Structures are given as C-alpha cells and as structure tokens.
Amino acid sequence: MTDLYLKFTDEAEATAVLYTQEPTAWDEEGNVTATEPRQAYANISTIGVIYKDEQPLDGWHVNVRVVGEDATALESFAVTPTLPVRIWG
C-alpha cells in the first residue's frame, strides 16, 4: 500500500489521468454511443484547490492510495507536502 499526494495543472488533467472512459451504450453496428468515467485506481480522494492564507495555491490536488495497482503513470504528478491537507484514516 502506497499513499501518493498528487498535483495536476487542473481538474481536466487529473480526470484524464485518474479516470478511464468505459462504454455504456452501443448502436446497432456495435459502435460506442455513450461512455461513463470510471476510476482507474480504487482509492481516490479529490482535494481540488488548496488555499493558504486565503490565497489559492497552483494546481489541482488529489490523494491516491495505491493497493496493488501500477502507479507508474502517477509518478510525474507526485509531490511531497510538508503538511498534508488530508491524509488517509
């Protein structure tokens, strides 16, 4: 089990990395007509924007607890906070 503190540019980047688009509907030819986002990791805790002294800090922040999943795709987003805003219980 590994806890990762991640910082993305924005919510859209976080969504693209942390979620996959799963097909939910198809037409008569078998083409996908609708998708739904699904978590790519079992444990995701979205924090969003962090404020310090009422000023927003850069980035979109998410904590991920990795249990058996391959976290290679998350390494470039990992940060080491001095004092985490939220931790796993």
PDB file of N, CA and C in Angstrom:
ATOM      1  N   MET A   1       0.843  -1.168   0.000  1.00  0.00           N
ATOM      2  CA  MET A   1       0.000   0.000   0.000  1.00  0.00           C
ATOM      3  C   MET A   1       0.895   1.240   0.000  1.00  0.00           C
ATOM      4  N   THR A   2       0.573   2.169  -0.908  1.00  0.00           N
ATOM      5  CA  THR A   2       1.341   3.404  -1.021  1.00  0.00           C
ATOM      6  C   THR A   2       0.387   4.585  -1.123  1.00  0.00           C
ATOM      7  N   ASP A   3       0.618   5.609  -0.313  1.00  0.00           N
ATOM      8  CA  ASP A   3      -0.167   6.835  -0.393  1.00  0.00           C
ATOM      9  C   ASP A   3       0.595   7.852  -1.222  1.00  0.00           C
ATOM     10  N   LEU A   4      -0.087   8.422  -2.228  1.00  0.00           N
ATOM     11  CA  LEU A   4       0.524   9.415  -3.102  1.00  0.00           C
ATOM     12  C   LEU A   4      -0.231  10.728  -2.991  1.00  0.00           C
ATOM     13  N   TYR A   5       0.511  11.810  -2.913  1.00  0.00           N
ATOM     14  CA  TYR A   5      -0.053  13.154  -2.943  1.00  0.00           C
ATOM     15  C   TYR A   5       0.259  13.693  -4.328  1.00  0.00           C
ATOM     16  N   LEU A   6      -0.781  14.027  -5.080  1.00  0.00           N
ATOM     17  CA  LEU A   6      -0.596  14.400  -6.479  1.00  0.00           C
ATOM     18  C   LEU A   6      -1.024  15.838  -6.727  1.00  0.00           C
ATOM     19  N   LYS A   7      -0.300  16.476  -7.651  1.00  0.00           N
ATOM     20  CA  LYS A   7      -0.636  17.841  -8.059  1.00  0.00           C
ATOM     21  C   LYS A   7      -0.714  17.863  -9.577  1.00  0.00           C
ATOM     22  N   PHE A   8      -1.875  18.269 -10.090  1.00  0.00           N
ATOM     23  CA  PHE A   8      -2.108  18.378 -11.522  1.00  0.00           C
ATOM     24  C   PHE A   8      -2.260  19.849 -11.883  1.00  0.00           C
ATOM     25  N   THR A   9      -2.173  20.152 -13.163  1.00  0.00           N
ATOM     26  CA  THR A   9      -2.358  21.526 -13.618  1.00  0.00           C
ATOM     27  C   THR A   9      -3.772  22.001 -13.312  1.00  0.00           C
ATOM     28  N   ASP A  10      -4.755  21.136 -13.602  1.00  0.00           N
ATOM     29  CA  ASP A  10      -6.155  21.488 -13.379  1.00  0.00           C
ATOM     30  C   ASP A  10      -6.991  20.221 -13.247  1.00  0.00           C
ATOM     31  N   GLU A  11      -8.276  20.392 -13.022  1.00  0.00           N
ATOM     32  CA  GLU A  11      -9.173  19.250 -12.835  1.00  0.00           C
ATOM     33  C   GLU A  11      -9.240  18.366 -14.082  1.00  0.00           C
ATOM     34  N   ALA A  12      -9.197  18.981 -15.261  1.00  0.00           N
ATOM     35  CA  ALA A  12      -9.266  18.209 -16.505  1.00  0.00           C
ATOM     36  C   ALA A  12      -8.078  17.259 -16.645  1.00  0.00           C
ATOM     37  N   GLU A  13      -6.885  17.715 -16.293  1.00  0.00           N
ATOM     38  CA  GLU A  13      -5.710  16.847 -16.361  1.00  0.00           C
ATOM     39  C   GLU A  13      -5.839  15.701 -15.362  1.00  0.00           C
ATOM     40  N   ALA A  14      -6.296  15.999 -14.152  1.00  0.00           N
ATOM     41  CA  ALA A  14      -6.475  14.956 -13.137  1.00  0.00           C
ATOM     42  C   ALA A  14      -7.476  13.913 -13.610  1.00  0.00           C
ATOM     43  N   THR A  15      -8.567  14.360 -14.179  1.00  0.00           N
ATOM     44  CA  THR A  15      -9.596  13.440 -14.673  1.00  0.00           C
ATOM     45  C   THR A  15      -9.043  12.541 -15.776  1.00  0.00           C
ATOM     46  N   ALA A  16      -8.264  13.119 -16.680  1.00  0.00           N
ATOM     47  CA  ALA A  16      -7.699  12.338 -17.783  1.00  0.00           C
ATOM     48  C   ALA A  16      -6.747  11.251 -17.288  1.00  0.00           C
ATOM     49  N   VAL A  17      -6.038  11.514 -16.200  1.00  0.00           N
ATOM     50  CA  VAL A  17      -5.066  10.553 -15.670  1.00  0.00           C
ATOM     51  C   VAL A  17      -5.723   9.535 -14.733  1.00  0.00           C
ATOM     52  N   LEU A  18      -6.663   9.969 -13.924  1.00  0.00           N
ATOM     53  CA  LEU A  18      -7.212   9.125 -12.857  1.00  0.00           C
ATOM     54  C   LEU A  18      -8.471   8.348 -13.239  1.00  0.00           C
ATOM     55  N   TYR A  19      -9.057   8.665 -14.391  1.00  0.00           N
ATOM     56  CA  TYR A  19     -10.291   8.006 -14.803  1.00  0.00           C
ATOM     57  C   TYR A  19     -10.166   7.490 -16.234  1.00  0.00           C
ATOM     58  N   THR A  20     -10.862   6.400 -16.516  1.00  0.00           N
ATOM     59  CA  THR A  20     -10.966   5.879 -17.876  1.00  0.00           C
ATOM     60  C   THR A  20     -12.409   6.069 -18.335  1.00  0.00           C
ATOM     61  N   GLN A  21     -12.613   6.086 -19.634  1.00  0.00           N
ATOM     62  CA  GLN A  21     -13.961   6.198 -20.179  1.00  0.00           C
ATOM     63  C   GLN A  21     -14.436   4.805 -20.573  1.00  0.00           C
ATOM     64  N   GLU A  22     -15.405   4.282 -19.862  1.00  0.00           N
ATOM     65  CA  GLU A  22     -15.936   2.949 -20.115  1.00  0.00           C
ATOM     66  C   GLU A  22     -17.192   3.047 -20.976  1.00  0.00           C
ATOM     67  N   PRO A  23     -17.299   2.230 -22.019  1.00  0.00           N
ATOM     68  CA  PRO A  23     -18.504   2.245 -22.852  1.00  0.00           C
ATOM     69  C   PRO A  23     -19.735   1.823 -22.048  1.00  0.00           C
ATOM     70  N   THR A  24     -20.850   2.519 -22.289  1.00  0.00           N
ATOM     71  CA  THR A  24     -22.098   2.175 -21.609  1.00  0.00           C
ATOM     72  C   THR A  24     -23.254   1.945 -22.582  1.00  0.00           C
ATOM     73  N   ALA A  25     -23.085   2.338 -23.849  1.00  0.00           N
ATOM     74  CA  ALA A  25     -24.156   2.128 -24.834  1.00  0.00           C
ATOM     75  C   ALA A  25     -23.548   1.966 -26.224  1.00  0.00           C
ATOM     76  N   TRP A  26     -24.220   1.156 -27.053  1.00  0.00           N
ATOM     77  CA  TRP A  26     -23.751   0.873 -28.400  1.00  0.00           C
ATOM     78  C   TRP A  26     -24.921   0.989 -29.374  1.00  0.00           C
ATOM     79  N   ASP A  27     -24.615   1.304 -30.648  1.00  0.00           N
ATOM     80  CA  ASP A  27     -25.660   1.313 -31.676  1.00  0.00           C
ATOM     81  C   ASP A  27     -25.766  -0.070 -32.326  1.00  0.00           C
ATOM     82  N   GLU A  28     -26.624  -0.196 -33.343  1.00  0.00           N
ATOM     83  CA  GLU A  28     -26.850  -1.496 -33.980  1.00  0.00           C
ATOM     84  C   GLU A  28     -25.601  -2.080 -34.635  1.00  0.00           C
ATOM     85  N   GLU A  29     -24.665  -1.216 -35.060  1.00  0.00           N
ATOM     86  CA  GLU A  29     -23.431  -1.699 -35.688  1.00  0.00           C
ATOM     87  C   GLU A  29     -22.339  -2.027 -34.665  1.00  0.00           C
ATOM     88  N   GLY A  30     -22.620  -1.823 -33.416  1.00  0.00           N
ATOM     89  CA  GLY A  30     -21.636  -2.112 -32.375  1.00  0.00           C
ATOM     90  C   GLY A  30     -20.726  -0.946 -32.036  1.00  0.00           C
ATOM     91  N   ASN A  31     -21.021   0.247 -32.553  1.00  0.00           N
ATOM     92  CA  ASN A  31     -20.225   1.437 -32.240  1.00  0.00           C
ATOM     93  C   ASN A  31     -20.647   2.007 -30.894  1.00  0.00           C
ATOM     94  N   VAL A  32     -19.663   2.436 -30.124  1.00  0.00           N
ATOM     95  CA  VAL A  32     -19.941   3.025 -28.812  1.00  0.00           C
ATOM     96  C   VAL A  32     -20.638   4.369 -29.005  1.00  0.00           C
ATOM     97  N   THR A  33     -21.760   4.566 -28.334  1.00  0.00           N
ATOM     98  CA  THR A  33     -22.504   5.822 -28.436  1.00  0.00           C
ATOM     99  C   THR A  33     -22.493   6.623 -27.134  1.00  0.00           C
ATOM    100  N   ALA A  34     -22.076   6.009 -26.030  1.00  0.00           N
ATOM    101  CA  ALA A  34     -22.007   6.715 -24.752  1.00  0.00           C
ATOM    102  C   ALA A  34     -20.937   6.077 -23.875  1.00  0.00           C
ATOM    103  N   THR A  35     -20.283   6.908 -23.074  1.00  0.00           N
ATOM    104  CA  THR A  35     -19.279   6.416 -22.129  1.00  0.00           C
ATOM    105  C   THR A  35     -19.543   7.013 -20.755  1.00  0.00           C
ATOM    106  N   GLU A  36     -18.902   6.416 -19.776  1.00  0.00           N
ATOM    107  CA  GLU A  36     -19.033   6.861 -18.390  1.00  0.00           C
ATOM    108  C   GLU A  36     -17.656   6.800 -17.751  1.00  0.00           C
ATOM    109  N   PRO A  37     -17.264   7.843 -16.991  1.00  0.00           N
ATOM    110  CA  PRO A  37     -15.955   7.785 -16.342  1.00  0.00           C
ATOM    111  C   PRO A  37     -15.929   6.741 -15.230  1.00  0.00           C
ATOM    112  N   ARG A  38     -14.824   6.006 -15.153  1.00  0.00           N
ATOM    113  CA  ARG A  38     -14.605   5.011 -14.087  1.00  0.00           C
ATOM    114  C   ARG A  38     -13.224   5.256 -13.497  1.00  0.00           C
ATOM    115  N   GLN A  39     -13.127   5.121 -12.199  1.00  0.00           N
ATOM    116  CA  GLN A  39     -11.839   5.309 -11.523  1.00  0.00           C
ATOM    117  C   GLN A  39     -10.827   4.289 -12.012  1.00  0.00           C
ATOM    118  N   ALA A  40      -9.627   4.763 -12.322  1.00  0.00           N
ATOM    119  CA  ALA A  40      -8.539   3.864 -12.718  1.00  0.00           C
ATOM    120  C   ALA A  40      -7.820   3.314 -11.490  1.00  0.00           C
ATOM    121  N   TYR A  41      -8.071   3.911 -10.327  1.00  0.00           N
ATOM    122  CA  TYR A  41      -7.461   3.480  -9.061  1.00  0.00           C
ATOM    123  C   TYR A  41      -8.578   3.336  -8.040  1.00  0.00           C
ATOM    124  N   ALA A  42      -8.454   2.371  -7.150  1.00  0.00           N
ATOM    125  CA  ALA A  42      -9.537   2.068  -6.207  1.00  0.00           C
ATOM    126  C   ALA A  42      -9.790   3.186  -5.200  1.00  0.00           C
ATOM    127  N   ASN A  43      -8.744   3.891  -4.794  1.00  0.00           N
ATOM    128  CA  ASN A  43      -8.877   4.881  -3.724  1.00  0.00           C
ATOM    129  C   ASN A  43      -8.406   6.255  -4.194  1.00  0.00           C
ATOM    130  N   ILE A  44      -9.351   7.128  -4.497  1.00  0.00           N
ATOM    131  CA  ILE A  44      -9.059   8.486  -4.959  1.00  0.00           C
ATOM    132  C   ILE A  44      -9.765   9.469  -4.033  1.00  0.00           C
ATOM    133  N   SER A  45      -9.019  10.426  -3.515  1.00  0.00           N
ATOM    134  CA  SER A  45      -9.591  11.464  -2.661  1.00  0.00           C
ATOM    135  C   SER A  45      -9.254  12.816  -3.277  1.00  0.00           C
ATOM    136  N   THR A  46     -10.241  13.438  -3.914  1.00  0.00           N
ATOM    137  CA  THR A  46     -10.020  14.719  -4.586  1.00  0.00           C
ATOM    138  C   THR A  46     -10.084  15.854  -3.582  1.00  0.00           C
ATOM    139  N   ILE A  47      -9.047  16.661  -3.553  1.00  0.00           N
ATOM    140  CA  ILE A  47      -8.989  17.834  -2.687  1.00  0.00           C
ATOM    141  C   ILE A  47      -9.337  19.080  -3.491  1.00  0.00           C
ATOM    142  N   GLY A  48      -8.823  19.165  -4.711  1.00  0.00           N
ATOM    143  CA  GLY A  48      -9.079  20.329  -5.554  1.00  0.00           C
ATOM    144  C   GLY A  48      -8.068  21.422  -5.282  1.00  0.00           C
ATOM    145  N   VAL A  49      -8.547  22.652  -5.201  1.00  0.00           N
ATOM    146  CA  VAL A  49      -7.679  23.800  -4.959  1.00  0.00           C
ATOM    147  C   VAL A  49      -7.389  23.892  -3.463  1.00  0.00           C
ATOM    148  N   ILE A  50      -6.131  24.121  -3.135  1.00  0.00           N
ATOM    149  CA  ILE A  50      -5.714  24.311  -1.742  1.00  0.00           C
ATOM    150  C   ILE A  50      -5.466  25.801  -1.526  1.00  0.00           C
ATOM    151  N   TYR A  51      -5.944  26.300  -0.401  1.00  0.00           N
ATOM    152  CA  TYR A  51      -5.761  27.713  -0.062  1.00  0.00           C
ATOM    153  C   TYR A  51      -4.808  27.848   1.108  1.00  0.00           C
ATOM    154  N   LYS A  52      -3.947  28.843   1.027  1.00  0.00           N
ATOM    155  CA  LYS A  52      -3.043  29.178   2.132  1.00  0.00           C
ATOM    156  C   LYS A  52      -3.170  30.672   2.369  1.00  0.00           C
ATOM    157  N   ASP A  53      -3.497  31.049   3.585  1.00  0.00           N
ATOM    158  CA  ASP A  53      -3.721  32.461   3.911  1.00  0.00           C
ATOM    159  C   ASP A  53      -4.724  33.095   2.955  1.00  0.00           C
ATOM    160  N   GLU A  54      -5.796  32.375   2.677  1.00  0.00           N
ATOM    161  CA  GLU A  54      -6.895  32.798   1.810  1.00  0.00           C
ATOM    162  C   GLU A  54      -6.488  33.007   0.351  1.00  0.00           C
ATOM    163  N   GLN A  55      -5.296  32.561  -0.030  1.00  0.00           N
ATOM    164  CA  GLN A  55      -4.838  32.652  -1.417  1.00  0.00           C
ATOM    165  C   GLN A  55      -4.761  31.245  -2.011  1.00  0.00           C
ATOM    166  N   PRO A  56      -5.297  31.055  -3.223  1.00  0.00           N
ATOM    167  CA  PRO A  56      -5.228  29.723  -3.839  1.00  0.00           C
ATOM    168  C   PRO A  56      -3.812  29.382  -4.281  1.00  0.00           C
ATOM    169  N   LEU A  57      -3.399  28.150  -3.992  1.00  0.00           N
ATOM    170  CA  LEU A  57      -2.112  27.669  -4.476  1.00  0.00           C
ATOM    171  C   LEU A  57      -2.307  27.097  -5.875  1.00  0.00           C
ATOM    172  N   ASP A  58      -1.243  27.035  -6.652  1.00  0.00           N
ATOM    173  CA  ASP A  58      -1.317  26.488  -8.002  1.00  0.00           C
ATOM    174  C   ASP A  58      -1.708  25.025  -7.972  1.00  0.00           C
ATOM    175  N   GLY A  59      -2.467  24.602  -8.975  1.00  0.00           N
ATOM    176  CA  GLY A  59      -2.723  23.192  -9.194  1.00  0.00           C
ATOM    177  C   GLY A  59      -4.032  22.675  -8.647  1.00  0.00           C
ATOM    178  N   TRP A  60      -4.297  21.423  -9.032  1.00  0.00           N
ATOM    179  CA  TRP A  60      -5.469  20.660  -8.598  1.00  0.00           C
ATOM    180  C   TRP A  60      -4.928  19.448  -7.858  1.00  0.00           C
ATOM    181  N   HIS A  61      -5.297  19.274  -6.609  1.00  0.00           N
ATOM    182  CA  HIS A  61      -4.663  18.305  -5.729  1.00  0.00           C
ATOM    183  C   HIS A  61      -5.561  17.095  -5.469  1.00  0.00           C
ATOM    184  N   VAL A  62      -4.941  15.915  -5.531  1.00  0.00           N
ATOM    185  CA  VAL A  62      -5.654  14.657  -5.344  1.00  0.00           C
ATOM    186  C   VAL A  62      -4.745  13.695  -4.583  1.00  0.00           C
ATOM    187  N   ASN A  63      -5.311  12.977  -3.623  1.00  0.00           N
ATOM    188  CA  ASN A  63      -4.586  11.911  -2.940  1.00  0.00           C
ATOM    189  C   ASN A  63      -5.043  10.575  -3.512  1.00  0.00           C
ATOM    190  N   VAL A  64      -4.107   9.673  -3.712  1.00  0.00           N
ATOM    191  CA  VAL A  64      -4.431   8.338  -4.204  1.00  0.00           C
ATOM    192  C   VAL A  64      -3.743   7.322  -3.312  1.00  0.00           C
ATOM    193  N   ARG A  65      -4.504   6.333  -2.851  1.00  0.00           N
ATOM    194  CA  ARG A  65      -3.918   5.210  -2.116  1.00  0.00           C
ATOM    195  C   ARG A  65      -3.859   4.044  -3.092  1.00  0.00           C
ATOM    196  N   VAL A  66      -2.646   3.604  -3.392  1.00  0.00           N
ATOM    197  CA  VAL A  66      -2.414   2.535  -4.353  1.00  0.00           C
ATOM    198  C   VAL A  66      -2.258   1.226  -3.595  1.00  0.00           C
ATOM    199  N   VAL A  67      -3.098   0.264  -3.938  1.00  0.00           N
ATOM    200  CA  VAL A  67      -3.046  -1.059  -3.306  1.00  0.00           C
ATOM    201  C   VAL A  67      -3.011  -2.087  -4.429  1.00  0.00           C
ATOM    202  N   GLY A  68      -1.820  -2.454  -4.854  1.00  0.00           N
ATOM    203  CA  GLY A  68      -1.685  -3.464  -5.893  1.00  0.00           C
ATOM    204  C   GLY A  68      -1.771  -2.942  -7.316  1.00  0.00           C
ATOM    205  N   GLU A  69      -2.209  -1.705  -7.523  1.00  0.00           N
ATOM    206  CA  GLU A  69      -2.280  -1.152  -8.870  1.00  0.00           C
ATOM    207  C   GLU A  69      -0.917  -0.649  -9.311  1.00  0.00           C
ATOM    208  N   ASP A  70      -0.725  -0.543 -10.613  1.00  0.00           N
ATOM    209  CA  ASP A  70       0.501   0.025 -11.169  1.00  0.00           C
ATOM    210  C   ASP A  70       0.384   1.546 -11.127  1.00  0.00           C
ATOM    211  N   ALA A  71       1.224   2.199 -10.355  1.00  0.00           N
ATOM    212  CA  ALA A  71       1.158   3.652 -10.188  1.00  0.00           C
ATOM    213  C   ALA A  71       2.188   4.399 -11.024  1.00  0.00           C
ATOM    214  N   THR A  72       2.795   3.743 -11.986  1.00  0.00           N
ATOM    215  CA  THR A  72       3.830   4.366 -12.809  1.00  0.00           C
ATOM    216  C   THR A  72       3.329   5.658 -13.456  1.00  0.00           C
ATOM    217  N   ALA A  73       2.097   5.679 -13.932  1.00  0.00           N
ATOM    218  CA  ALA A  73       1.547   6.853 -14.613  1.00  0.00           C
ATOM    219  C   ALA A  73       1.378   8.048 -13.679  1.00  0.00           C
ATOM    220  N   LEU A  74       1.442   7.820 -12.375  1.00  0.00           N
ATOM    221  CA  LEU A  74       1.242   8.899 -11.400  1.00  0.00           C
ATOM    222  C   LEU A  74       2.540   9.533 -10.927  1.00  0.00           C
ATOM    223  N   GLU A  75       3.667   8.892 -11.184  1.00  0.00           N
ATOM    224  CA  GLU A  75       4.951   9.347 -10.634  1.00  0.00           C
ATOM    225  C   GLU A  75       5.282  10.792 -10.971  1.00  0.00           C
ATOM    226  N   SER A  76       4.987  11.229 -12.183  1.00  0.00           N
ATOM    227  CA  SER A  76       5.352  12.595 -12.584  1.00  0.00           C
ATOM    228  C   SER A  76       4.472  13.657 -11.919  1.00  0.00           C
ATOM    229  N   PHE A  77       3.377  13.261 -11.275  1.00  0.00           N
ATOM    230  CA  PHE A  77       2.480  14.202 -10.607  1.00  0.00           C
ATOM    231  C   PHE A  77       2.668  14.208  -9.090  1.00  0.00           C
ATOM    232  N   ALA A  78       3.494  13.312  -8.574  1.00  0.00           N
ATOM    233  CA  ALA A  78       3.678  13.170  -7.130  1.00  0.00           C
ATOM    234  C   ALA A  78       4.422  14.363  -6.538  1.00  0.00           C
ATOM    235  N   VAL A  79       3.942  14.805  -5.387  1.00  0.00           N
ATOM    236  CA  VAL A  79       4.601  15.870  -4.625  1.00  0.00           C
ATOM    237  C   VAL A  79       4.760  15.384  -3.188  1.00  0.00           C
ATOM    238  N   THR A  80       5.606  16.054  -2.447  1.00  0.00           N
ATOM    239  CA  THR A  80       5.813  15.716  -1.039  1.00  0.00           C
ATOM    240  C   THR A  80       5.447  16.933  -0.200  1.00  0.00           C
ATOM    241  N   PRO A  81       4.216  16.982   0.290  1.00  0.00           N
ATOM    242  CA  PRO A  81       3.805  18.146   1.074  1.00  0.00           C
ATOM    243  C   PRO A  81       4.462  18.151   2.450  1.00  0.00           C
ATOM    244  N   THR A  82       4.766  19.337   2.935  1.00  0.00           N
ATOM    245  CA  THR A  82       5.319  19.479   4.280  1.00  0.00           C
ATOM    246  C   THR A  82       4.273  19.087   5.312  1.00  0.00           C
ATOM    247  N   LEU A  83       3.056  19.558   5.104  1.00  0.00           N
ATOM    248  CA  LEU A  83       1.944  19.237   5.989  1.00  0.00           C
ATOM    249  C   LEU A  83       0.730  18.940   5.110  1.00  0.00           C
ATOM    250  N   PRO A  84       0.419  17.666   4.896  1.00  0.00           N
ATOM    251  CA  PRO A  84      -0.714  17.321   4.019  1.00  0.00           C
ATOM    252  C   PRO A  84      -2.019  17.926   4.509  1.00  0.00           C
ATOM    253  N   VAL A  85      -2.835  18.381   3.571  1.00  0.00           N
ATOM    254  CA  VAL A  85      -4.150  18.937   3.892  1.00  0.00           C
ATOM    255  C   VAL A  85      -5.090  17.834   4.346  1.00  0.00           C
ATOM    256  N   ARG A  86      -4.947  16.648   3.738  1.00  0.00           N
ATOM    257  CA  ARG A  86      -5.795  15.495   4.081  1.00  0.00           C
ATOM    258  C   ARG A  86      -4.946  14.235   3.994  1.00  0.00           C
ATOM    259  N   ILE A  87      -5.151  13.324   4.938  1.00  0.00           N
ATOM    260  CA  ILE A  87      -4.451  12.043   4.903  1.00  0.00           C
ATOM    261  C   ILE A  87      -5.487  10.930   5.010  1.00  0.00           C
ATOM    262  N   TRP A  88      -5.082   9.722   4.651  1.00  0.00           N
ATOM    263  CA  TRP A  88      -5.974   8.564   4.768  1.00  0.00           C
ATOM    264  C   TRP A  88      -6.085   8.167   6.234  1.00  0.00           C
ATOM    265  N   GLY A  89      -7.272   7.786   6.650  1.00  0.00           N
ATOM    266  CA  GLY A  89      -7.522   7.401   8.039  1.00  0.00           C
ATOM    267  C   GLY A  89      -7.130   5.979   8.329  1.00  0.00           C
TER     268      GLY A  89
END
